[in-house]
Amino acid sequence: MNATGFLPADPMPTITIQYFAILREQRGIAQEKLTTPATTPGALYEELRARHGFTLPGDRVRAAVNDEFVTATATLHEGDRVVFIPPVAGG
């Protein structure tokens, strides 16, 4: 506890983010590390969408954390690797 009697706030985690397809094109890179206040993949994507102007809404993008598909409300931790996967068209 600190002098005010409260536990110090958790430091913001640093996350590795990978982009594919249209997200990689819009961001201009395939991977980056980011220290973020986001605690879920959904919140992280919305932060990135606002920051980088991604055109896909969050409900159109799937997230995987450390090679496992997760819900938008999964908890993120320091050192996680998050992959955002947009819808893929093909034939």
PDB file of N, CA and C in Angstrom:
ATOM      1  N   MET A   1       0.835  -1.181   0.000  1.00  0.00           N
ATOM      2  CA  MET A   1       0.000   0.000   0.000  1.00  0.00           C
ATOM      3  C   MET A   1       0.878   1.243   0.000  1.00  0.00           C
ATOM      4  N   ASN A   2       0.336   2.294  -0.612  1.00  0.00           N
ATOM      5  CA  ASN A   2       1.074   3.553  -0.597  1.00  0.00           C
ATOM      6  C   ASN A   2       0.620   4.396   0.587  1.00  0.00           C
ATOM      7  N   ALA A   3       1.121   5.627   0.678  1.00  0.00           N
ATOM      8  CA  ALA A   3       0.837   6.490   1.825  1.00  0.00           C
ATOM      9  C   ALA A   3      -0.641   6.824   1.971  1.00  0.00           C
ATOM     10  N   THR A   4      -1.417   6.736   0.903  1.00  0.00           N
ATOM     11  CA  THR A   4      -2.840   7.061   0.984  1.00  0.00           C
ATOM     12  C   THR A   4      -3.673   5.869   1.435  1.00  0.00           C
ATOM     13  N   GLY A   5      -3.026   4.705   1.598  1.00  0.00           N
ATOM     14  CA  GLY A   5      -3.750   3.528   2.038  1.00  0.00           C
ATOM     15  C   GLY A   5      -4.321   2.692   0.915  1.00  0.00           C
ATOM     16  N   PHE A   6      -4.024   3.066  -0.320  1.00  0.00           N
ATOM     17  CA  PHE A   6      -4.507   2.316  -1.464  1.00  0.00           C
ATOM     18  C   PHE A   6      -3.363   1.551  -2.099  1.00  0.00           C
ATOM     19  N   LEU A   7      -3.705   0.450  -2.709  1.00  0.00           N
ATOM     20  CA  LEU A   7      -2.705  -0.276  -3.482  1.00  0.00           C
ATOM     21  C   LEU A   7      -2.362   0.546  -4.713  1.00  0.00           C
ATOM     22  N   PRO A   8      -1.099   0.581  -5.117  1.00  0.00           N
ATOM     23  CA  PRO A   8      -0.771   1.324  -6.336  1.00  0.00           C
ATOM     24  C   PRO A   8      -1.466   0.695  -7.537  1.00  0.00           C
ATOM     25  N   ALA A   9      -1.786   1.529  -8.493  1.00  0.00           N
ATOM     26  CA  ALA A   9      -2.443   1.033  -9.705  1.00  0.00           C
ATOM     27  C   ALA A   9      -1.508   0.084 -10.443  1.00  0.00           C
ATOM     28  N   ASP A  10      -2.085  -0.918 -11.076  1.00  0.00           N
ATOM     29  CA  ASP A  10      -1.284  -1.827 -11.887  1.00  0.00           C
ATOM     30  C   ASP A  10      -0.661  -1.039 -13.019  1.00  0.00           C
ATOM     31  N   PRO A  11       0.601  -1.312 -13.311  1.00  0.00           N
ATOM     32  CA  PRO A  11       1.197  -0.627 -14.457  1.00  0.00           C
ATOM     33  C   PRO A  11       0.515  -1.087 -15.747  1.00  0.00           C
ATOM     34  N   MET A  12       0.524  -0.224 -16.733  1.00  0.00           N
ATOM     35  CA  MET A  12      -0.091  -0.585 -18.008  1.00  0.00           C
ATOM     36  C   MET A  12       0.762  -1.666 -18.674  1.00  0.00           C
ATOM     37  N   PRO A  13       0.122  -2.694 -19.203  1.00  0.00           N
ATOM     38  CA  PRO A  13       0.891  -3.762 -19.841  1.00  0.00           C
ATOM     39  C   PRO A  13       1.420  -3.352 -21.209  1.00  0.00           C
ATOM     40  N   THR A  14       2.532  -3.949 -21.575  1.00  0.00           N
ATOM     41  CA  THR A  14       3.059  -3.813 -22.924  1.00  0.00           C
ATOM     42  C   THR A  14       2.663  -5.063 -23.684  1.00  0.00           C
ATOM     43  N   ILE A  15       1.983  -4.863 -24.801  1.00  0.00           N
ATOM     44  CA  ILE A  15       1.407  -5.933 -25.614  1.00  0.00           C
ATOM     45  C   ILE A  15       2.068  -5.909 -26.985  1.00  0.00           C
ATOM     46  N   THR A  16       2.330  -7.080 -27.547  1.00  0.00           N
ATOM     47  CA  THR A  16       2.771  -7.174 -28.937  1.00  0.00           C
ATOM     48  C   THR A  16       1.532  -7.396 -29.785  1.00  0.00           C
ATOM     49  N   ILE A  17       1.380  -6.588 -30.821  1.00  0.00           N
ATOM     50  CA  ILE A  17       0.200  -6.656 -31.680  1.00  0.00           C
ATOM     51  C   ILE A  17       0.646  -7.020 -33.082  1.00  0.00           C
ATOM     52  N   GLN A  18      -0.058  -7.988 -33.689  1.00  0.00           N
ATOM     53  CA  GLN A  18       0.196  -8.352 -35.077  1.00  0.00           C
ATOM     54  C   GLN A  18      -1.040  -8.040 -35.901  1.00  0.00           C
ATOM     55  N   TYR A  19      -0.801  -7.541 -37.116  1.00  0.00           N
ATOM     56  CA  TYR A  19      -1.878  -7.169 -38.022  1.00  0.00           C
ATOM     57  C   TYR A  19      -1.805  -8.010 -39.281  1.00  0.00           C
ATOM     58  N   PHE A  20      -2.975  -8.341 -39.826  1.00  0.00           N
ATOM     59  CA  PHE A  20      -3.058  -9.098 -41.064  1.00  0.00           C
ATOM     60  C   PHE A  20      -4.003  -8.393 -42.034  1.00  0.00           C
ATOM     61  N   ALA A  21      -3.806  -8.684 -43.311  1.00  0.00           N
ATOM     62  CA  ALA A  21      -4.689  -8.250 -44.394  1.00  0.00           C
ATOM     63  C   ALA A  21      -4.934  -6.743 -44.355  1.00  0.00           C
ATOM     64  N   ILE A  22      -6.187  -6.322 -44.381  1.00  0.00           N
ATOM     65  CA  ILE A  22      -6.511  -4.899 -44.475  1.00  0.00           C
ATOM     66  C   ILE A  22      -5.976  -4.103 -43.285  1.00  0.00           C
ATOM     67  N   LEU A  23      -5.913  -4.715 -42.111  1.00  0.00           N
ATOM     68  CA  LEU A  23      -5.386  -3.999 -40.950  1.00  0.00           C
ATOM     69  C   LEU A  23      -3.895  -3.702 -41.126  1.00  0.00           C
ATOM     70  N   ARG A  24      -3.166  -4.659 -41.676  1.00  0.00           N
ATOM     71  CA  ARG A  24      -1.741  -4.433 -41.948  1.00  0.00           C
ATOM     72  C   ARG A  24      -1.575  -3.342 -42.999  1.00  0.00           C
ATOM     73  N   GLU A  25      -2.427  -3.356 -44.017  1.00  0.00           N
ATOM     74  CA  GLU A  25      -2.365  -2.321 -45.054  1.00  0.00           C
ATOM     75  C   GLU A  25      -2.664  -0.945 -44.467  1.00  0.00           C
ATOM     76  N   GLN A  26      -3.698  -0.854 -43.635  1.00  0.00           N
ATOM     77  CA  GLN A  26      -4.081   0.440 -43.068  1.00  0.00           C
ATOM     78  C   GLN A  26      -3.065   0.940 -42.039  1.00  0.00           C
ATOM     79  N   ARG A  27      -2.443   0.043 -41.307  1.00  0.00           N
ATOM     80  CA  ARG A  27      -1.454   0.439 -40.299  1.00  0.00           C
ATOM     81  C   ARG A  27      -0.088   0.684 -40.936  1.00  0.00           C
ATOM     82  N   GLY A  28       0.216  -0.062 -41.991  1.00  0.00           N
ATOM     83  CA  GLY A  28       1.494   0.117 -42.671  1.00  0.00           C
ATOM     84  C   GLY A  28       2.630  -0.695 -42.085  1.00  0.00           C
ATOM     85  N   ILE A  29       2.323  -1.497 -41.088  1.00  0.00           N
ATOM     86  CA  ILE A  29       3.314  -2.409 -40.502  1.00  0.00           C
ATOM     87  C   ILE A  29       2.606  -3.702 -40.117  1.00  0.00           C
ATOM     88  N   ALA A  30       3.386  -4.764 -39.922  1.00  0.00           N
ATOM     89  CA  ALA A  30       2.812  -6.060 -39.574  1.00  0.00           C
ATOM     90  C   ALA A  30       2.767  -6.300 -38.070  1.00  0.00           C
ATOM     91  N   GLN A  31       3.633  -5.611 -37.321  1.00  0.00           N
ATOM     92  CA  GLN A  31       3.717  -5.872 -35.880  1.00  0.00           C
ATOM     93  C   GLN A  31       4.228  -4.643 -35.154  1.00  0.00           C
ATOM     94  N   GLU A  32       3.769  -4.478 -33.921  1.00  0.00           N
ATOM     95  CA  GLU A  32       4.276  -3.402 -33.067  1.00  0.00           C
ATOM     96  C   GLU A  32       4.082  -3.777 -31.610  1.00  0.00           C
ATOM     97  N   LYS A  33       4.840  -3.119 -30.749  1.00  0.00           N
ATOM     98  CA  LYS A  33       4.649  -3.244 -29.300  1.00  0.00           C
ATOM     99  C   LYS A  33       4.020  -1.947 -28.820  1.00  0.00           C
ATOM    100  N   LEU A  34       3.082  -2.088 -27.883  1.00  0.00           N
ATOM    101  CA  LEU A  34       2.348  -0.933 -27.403  1.00  0.00           C
ATOM    102  C   LEU A  34       2.075  -1.078 -25.913  1.00  0.00           C
ATOM    103  N   THR A  35       2.340  -0.036 -25.162  1.00  0.00           N
ATOM    104  CA  THR A  35       1.932   0.023 -23.770  1.00  0.00           C
ATOM    105  C   THR A  35       0.566   0.683 -23.761  1.00  0.00           C
ATOM    106  N   THR A  36      -0.405   0.022 -23.142  1.00  0.00           N
ATOM    107  CA  THR A  36      -1.797   0.429 -23.295  1.00  0.00           C
ATOM    108  C   THR A  36      -2.577   0.331 -21.992  1.00  0.00           C
ATOM    109  N   PRO A  37      -3.569   1.194 -21.811  1.00  0.00           N
ATOM    110  CA  PRO A  37      -4.466   1.036 -20.669  1.00  0.00           C
ATOM    111  C   PRO A  37      -5.561  -0.003 -20.935  1.00  0.00           C
ATOM    112  N   ALA A  38      -5.663  -0.483 -22.168  1.00  0.00           N
ATOM    113  CA  ALA A  38      -6.709  -1.454 -22.520  1.00  0.00           C
ATOM    114  C   ALA A  38      -6.505  -2.752 -21.741  1.00  0.00           C
ATOM    115  N   THR A  39      -7.599  -3.291 -21.236  1.00  0.00           N
ATOM    116  CA  THR A  39      -7.519  -4.526 -20.455  1.00  0.00           C
ATOM    117  C   THR A  39      -8.128  -5.719 -21.176  1.00  0.00           C
ATOM    118  N   THR A  40      -8.726  -5.465 -22.353  1.00  0.00           N
ATOM    119  CA  THR A  40      -9.350  -6.536 -23.134  1.00  0.00           C
ATOM    120  C   THR A  40      -8.995  -6.349 -24.609  1.00  0.00           C
ATOM    121  N   PRO A  41      -9.087  -7.417 -25.406  1.00  0.00           N
ATOM    122  CA  PRO A  41      -8.852  -7.259 -26.837  1.00  0.00           C
ATOM    123  C   PRO A  41      -9.828  -6.276 -27.485  1.00  0.00           C
ATOM    124  N   GLY A  42     -11.070  -6.275 -27.050  1.00  0.00           N
ATOM    125  CA  GLY A  42     -12.054  -5.356 -27.610  1.00  0.00           C
ATOM    126  C   GLY A  42     -11.675  -3.905 -27.365  1.00  0.00           C
ATOM    127  N   ALA A  43     -11.279  -3.605 -26.142  1.00  0.00           N
ATOM    128  CA  ALA A  43     -10.858  -2.240 -25.812  1.00  0.00           C
ATOM    129  C   ALA A  43      -9.573  -1.876 -26.551  1.00  0.00           C
ATOM    130  N   LEU A  44      -8.662  -2.828 -26.686  1.00  0.00           N
ATOM    131  CA  LEU A  44      -7.419  -2.581 -27.410  1.00  0.00           C
ATOM    132  C   LEU A  44      -7.709  -2.269 -28.871  1.00  0.00           C
ATOM    133  N   TYR A  45      -8.591  -3.048 -29.486  1.00  0.00           N
ATOM    134  CA  TYR A  45      -8.903  -2.789 -30.891  1.00  0.00           C
ATOM    135  C   TYR A  45      -9.536  -1.406 -31.062  1.00  0.00           C
ATOM    136  N   GLU A  46     -10.432  -1.025 -30.166  1.00  0.00           N
ATOM    137  CA  GLU A  46     -11.060   0.298 -30.270  1.00  0.00           C
ATOM    138  C   GLU A  46     -10.025   1.410 -30.096  1.00  0.00           C
ATOM    139  N   GLU A  47      -9.064   1.211 -29.202  1.00  0.00           N
ATOM    140  CA  GLU A  47      -7.977   2.183 -29.039  1.00  0.00           C
ATOM    141  C   GLU A  47      -7.176   2.295 -30.345  1.00  0.00           C
ATOM    142  N   LEU A  48      -6.835   1.148 -30.931  1.00  0.00           N
ATOM    143  CA  LEU A  48      -6.066   1.137 -32.175  1.00  0.00           C
ATOM    144  C   LEU A  48      -6.881   1.708 -33.326  1.00  0.00           C
ATOM    145  N   ARG A  49      -8.156   1.402 -33.354  1.00  0.00           N
ATOM    146  CA  ARG A  49      -9.029   1.909 -34.415  1.00  0.00           C
ATOM    147  C   ARG A  49      -9.077   3.435 -34.397  1.00  0.00           C
ATOM    148  N   ALA A  50      -9.200   4.001 -33.204  1.00  0.00           N
ATOM    149  CA  ALA A  50      -9.218   5.459 -33.083  1.00  0.00           C
ATOM    150  C   ALA A  50      -7.857   6.060 -33.442  1.00  0.00           C
ATOM    151  N   ARG A  51      -6.811   5.405 -33.026  1.00  0.00           N
ATOM    152  CA  ARG A  51      -5.456   5.917 -33.235  1.00  0.00           C
ATOM    153  C   ARG A  51      -5.021   5.828 -34.697  1.00  0.00           C
ATOM    154  N   HIS A  52      -5.371   4.721 -35.368  1.00  0.00           N
ATOM    155  CA  HIS A  52      -4.850   4.463 -36.711  1.00  0.00           C
ATOM    156  C   HIS A  52      -5.897   4.563 -37.817  1.00  0.00           C
ATOM    157  N   GLY A  53      -7.142   4.824 -37.462  1.00  0.00           N
ATOM    158  CA  GLY A  53      -8.179   4.999 -38.470  1.00  0.00           C
ATOM    159  C   GLY A  53      -8.627   3.717 -39.152  1.00  0.00           C
ATOM    160  N   PHE A  54      -8.561   2.595 -38.440  1.00  0.00           N
ATOM    161  CA  PHE A  54      -9.031   1.341 -39.030  1.00  0.00           C
ATOM    162  C   PHE A  54     -10.502   1.478 -39.424  1.00  0.00           C
ATOM    163  N   THR A  55     -10.857   0.943 -40.576  1.00  0.00           N
ATOM    164  CA  THR A  55     -12.212   1.094 -41.084  1.00  0.00           C
ATOM    165  C   THR A  55     -13.158  -0.015 -40.627  1.00  0.00           C
ATOM    166  N   LEU A  56     -12.627  -1.140 -40.173  1.00  0.00           N
ATOM    167  CA  LEU A  56     -13.491  -2.245 -39.739  1.00  0.00           C
ATOM    168  C   LEU A  56     -13.975  -2.010 -38.313  1.00  0.00           C
ATOM    169  N   PRO A  57     -15.283  -2.167 -38.069  1.00  0.00           N
ATOM    170  CA  PRO A  57     -15.769  -2.082 -36.692  1.00  0.00           C
ATOM    171  C   PRO A  57     -15.284  -3.287 -35.884  1.00  0.00           C
ATOM    172  N   GLY A  58     -15.211  -3.123 -34.580  1.00  0.00           N
ATOM    173  CA  GLY A  58     -14.693  -4.173 -33.712  1.00  0.00           C
ATOM    174  C   GLY A  58     -15.417  -5.503 -33.807  1.00  0.00           C
ATOM    175  N   ASP A  59     -16.703  -5.477 -34.100  1.00  0.00           N
ATOM    176  CA  ASP A  59     -17.448  -6.739 -34.172  1.00  0.00           C
ATOM    177  C   ASP A  59     -17.152  -7.531 -35.451  1.00  0.00           C
ATOM    178  N   ARG A  60     -16.348  -6.971 -36.349  1.00  0.00           N
ATOM    179  CA  ARG A  60     -15.976  -7.673 -37.577  1.00  0.00           C
ATOM    180  C   ARG A  60     -14.585  -8.291 -37.489  1.00  0.00           C
ATOM    181  N   VAL A  61     -13.901  -8.084 -36.377  1.00  0.00           N
ATOM    182  CA  VAL A  61     -12.520  -8.525 -36.221  1.00  0.00           C
ATOM    183  C   VAL A  61     -12.436  -9.573 -35.115  1.00  0.00           C
ATOM    184  N   ARG A  62     -11.722 -10.660 -35.395  1.00  0.00           N
ATOM    185  CA  ARG A  62     -11.485 -11.681 -34.366  1.00  0.00           C
ATOM    186  C   ARG A  62     -10.152 -11.406 -33.708  1.00  0.00           C
ATOM    187  N   ALA A  63     -10.028 -11.800 -32.459  1.00  0.00           N
ATOM    188  CA  ALA A  63      -8.770 -11.628 -31.736  1.00  0.00           C
ATOM    189  C   ALA A  63      -8.272 -12.982 -31.254  1.00  0.00           C
ATOM    190  N   ALA A  64      -6.958 -13.146 -31.336  1.00  0.00           N
ATOM    191  CA  ALA A  64      -6.295 -14.300 -30.736  1.00  0.00           C
ATOM    192  C   ALA A  64      -5.226 -13.746 -29.799  1.00  0.00           C
ATOM    193  N   VAL A  65      -5.145 -14.329 -28.619  1.00  0.00           N
ATOM    194  CA  VAL A  65      -4.129 -13.941 -27.648  1.00  0.00           C
ATOM    195  C   VAL A  65      -3.258 -15.158 -27.391  1.00  0.00           C
ATOM    196  N   ASN A  66      -1.972 -14.997 -27.641  1.00  0.00           N
ATOM    197  CA  ASN A  66      -1.016 -16.087 -27.439  1.00  0.00           C
ATOM    198  C   ASN A  66      -1.467 -17.358 -28.163  1.00  0.00           C
ATOM    199  N   ASP A  67      -1.881 -17.187 -29.416  1.00  0.00           N
ATOM    200  CA  ASP A  67      -2.247 -18.282 -30.324  1.00  0.00           C
ATOM    201  C   ASP A  67      -3.566 -18.965 -30.001  1.00  0.00           C
ATOM    202  N   GLU A  68      -4.421 -18.344 -29.200  1.00  0.00           N
ATOM    203  CA  GLU A  68      -5.736 -18.905 -28.880  1.00  0.00           C
ATOM    204  C   GLU A  68      -6.799 -17.860 -29.188  1.00  0.00           C
ATOM    205  N   PHE A  69      -7.834 -18.240 -29.960  1.00  0.00           N
ATOM    206  CA  PHE A  69      -8.937 -17.313 -30.179  1.00  0.00           C
ATOM    207  C   PHE A  69      -9.601 -17.023 -28.831  1.00  0.00           C
ATOM    208  N   VAL A  70      -9.938 -15.753 -28.622  1.00  0.00           N
ATOM    209  CA  VAL A  70     -10.551 -15.322 -27.367  1.00  0.00           C
ATOM    210  C   VAL A  70     -11.736 -14.413 -27.678  1.00  0.00           C
ATOM    211  N   THR A  71     -12.545 -14.168 -26.666  1.00  0.00           N
ATOM    212  CA  THR A  71     -13.641 -13.214 -26.801  1.00  0.00           C
ATOM    213  C   THR A  71     -13.078 -11.798 -26.666  1.00  0.00           C
ATOM    214  N   ALA A  72     -13.868 -10.840 -27.049  1.00  0.00           N
ATOM    215  CA  ALA A  72     -13.459  -9.437 -26.953  1.00  0.00           C
ATOM    216  C   ALA A  72     -13.296  -8.989 -25.506  1.00  0.00           C
ATOM    217  N   THR A  73     -13.831  -9.773 -24.562  1.00  0.00           N
ATOM    218  CA  THR A  73     -13.783  -9.389 -23.153  1.00  0.00           C
ATOM    219  C   THR A  73     -12.730 -10.166 -22.349  1.00  0.00           C
ATOM    220  N   ALA A  74     -11.903 -10.966 -23.020  1.00  0.00           N
ATOM    221  CA  ALA A  74     -10.833 -11.689 -22.327  1.00  0.00           C
ATOM    222  C   ALA A  74      -9.873 -10.676 -21.693  1.00  0.00           C
ATOM    223  N   THR A  75      -9.191 -11.067 -20.642  1.00  0.00           N
ATOM    224  CA  THR A  75      -8.269 -10.176 -19.951  1.00  0.00           C
ATOM    225  C   THR A  75      -6.882 -10.232 -20.586  1.00  0.00           C
ATOM    226  N   LEU A  76      -6.316  -9.054 -20.825  1.00  0.00           N
ATOM    227  CA  LEU A  76      -4.955  -8.965 -21.348  1.00  0.00           C
ATOM    228  C   LEU A  76      -3.957  -8.840 -20.208  1.00  0.00           C
ATOM    229  N   HIS A  77      -2.753  -9.380 -20.445  1.00  0.00           N
ATOM    230  CA  HIS A  77      -1.685  -9.337 -19.446  1.00  0.00           C
ATOM    231  C   HIS A  77      -0.383  -8.866 -20.081  1.00  0.00           C
ATOM    232  N   GLU A  78       0.514  -8.414 -19.255  1.00  0.00           N
ATOM    233  CA  GLU A  78       1.847  -7.996 -19.682  1.00  0.00           C
ATOM    234  C   GLU A  78       2.484  -9.091 -20.551  1.00  0.00           C
ATOM    235  N   GLY A  79       3.008  -8.680 -21.693  1.00  0.00           N
ATOM    236  CA  GLY A  79       3.723  -9.611 -22.562  1.00  0.00           C
ATOM    237  C   GLY A  79       2.860 -10.420 -23.509  1.00  0.00           C
ATOM    238  N   ASP A  80       1.528 -10.262 -23.452  1.00  0.00           N
ATOM    239  CA  ASP A  80       0.661 -11.005 -24.370  1.00  0.00           C
ATOM    240  C   ASP A  80       0.968 -10.622 -25.814  1.00  0.00           C
ATOM    241  N   ARG A  81       0.701 -11.562 -26.705  1.00  0.00           N
ATOM    242  CA  ARG A  81       0.776 -11.318 -28.149  1.00  0.00           C
ATOM    243  C   ARG A  81      -0.637 -11.398 -28.682  1.00  0.00           C
ATOM    244  N   VAL A  82      -1.122 -10.286 -29.220  1.00  0.00           N
ATOM    245  CA  VAL A  82      -2.494 -10.191 -29.717  1.00  0.00           C
ATOM    246  C   VAL A  82      -2.450 -10.106 -31.234  1.00  0.00           C
ATOM    247  N   VAL A  83      -3.255 -10.936 -31.869  1.00  0.00           N
ATOM    248  CA  VAL A  83      -3.388 -10.928 -33.323  1.00  0.00           C
ATOM    249  C   VAL A  83      -4.824 -10.544 -33.640  1.00  0.00           C
ATOM    250  N   PHE A  84      -4.986  -9.519 -34.464  1.00  0.00           N
ATOM    251  CA  PHE A  84      -6.316  -9.139 -34.924  1.00  0.00           C
ATOM    252  C   PHE A  84      -6.495  -9.655 -36.335  1.00  0.00           C
ATOM    253  N   ILE A  85      -7.569 -10.412 -36.548  1.00  0.00           N
ATOM    254  CA  ILE A  85      -7.801 -11.081 -37.815  1.00  0.00           C
ATOM    255  C   ILE A  85      -9.112 -10.566 -38.413  1.00  0.00           C
ATOM    256  N   PRO A  86      -9.012  -9.851 -39.535  1.00  0.00           N
ATOM    257  CA  PRO A  86     -10.225  -9.348 -40.195  1.00  0.00           C
ATOM    258  C   PRO A  86     -10.902 -10.467 -40.958  1.00  0.00           C
ATOM    259  N   PRO A  87     -12.144 -10.244 -41.396  1.00  0.00           N
ATOM    260  CA  PRO A  87     -12.812 -11.262 -42.217  1.00  0.00           C
ATOM    261  C   PRO A  87     -12.017 -11.480 -43.495  1.00  0.00           C
ATOM    262  N   VAL A  88     -12.006 -12.723 -43.935  1.00  0.00           N
ATOM    263  CA  VAL A  88     -11.248 -13.078 -45.128  1.00  0.00           C
ATOM    264  C   VAL A  88     -12.221 -13.553 -46.200  1.00  0.00           C
ATOM    265  N   ALA A  89     -12.093 -13.005 -47.392  1.00  0.00           N
ATOM    266  CA  ALA A  89     -12.916 -13.445 -48.534  1.00  0.00           C
ATOM    267  C   ALA A  89     -12.086 -14.405 -49.347  1.00  0.00           C
ATOM    268  N   GLY A  90     -12.740 -15.316 -49.977  1.00  0.00           N
ATOM    269  CA  GLY A  90     -12.009 -16.263 -50.820  1.00  0.00           C
ATOM    270  C   GLY A  90     -12.968 -17.151 -51.557  1.00  0.00           C
ATOM    271  N   GLY A  91     -12.426 -17.930 -52.416  1.00  0.00           N
ATOM    272  CA  GLY A  91     -13.299 -18.782 -53.192  1.00  0.00           C
ATOM    273  C   GLY A  91     -12.729 -20.129 -53.407  1.00  0.00           C
TER     274      GLY A  91
END
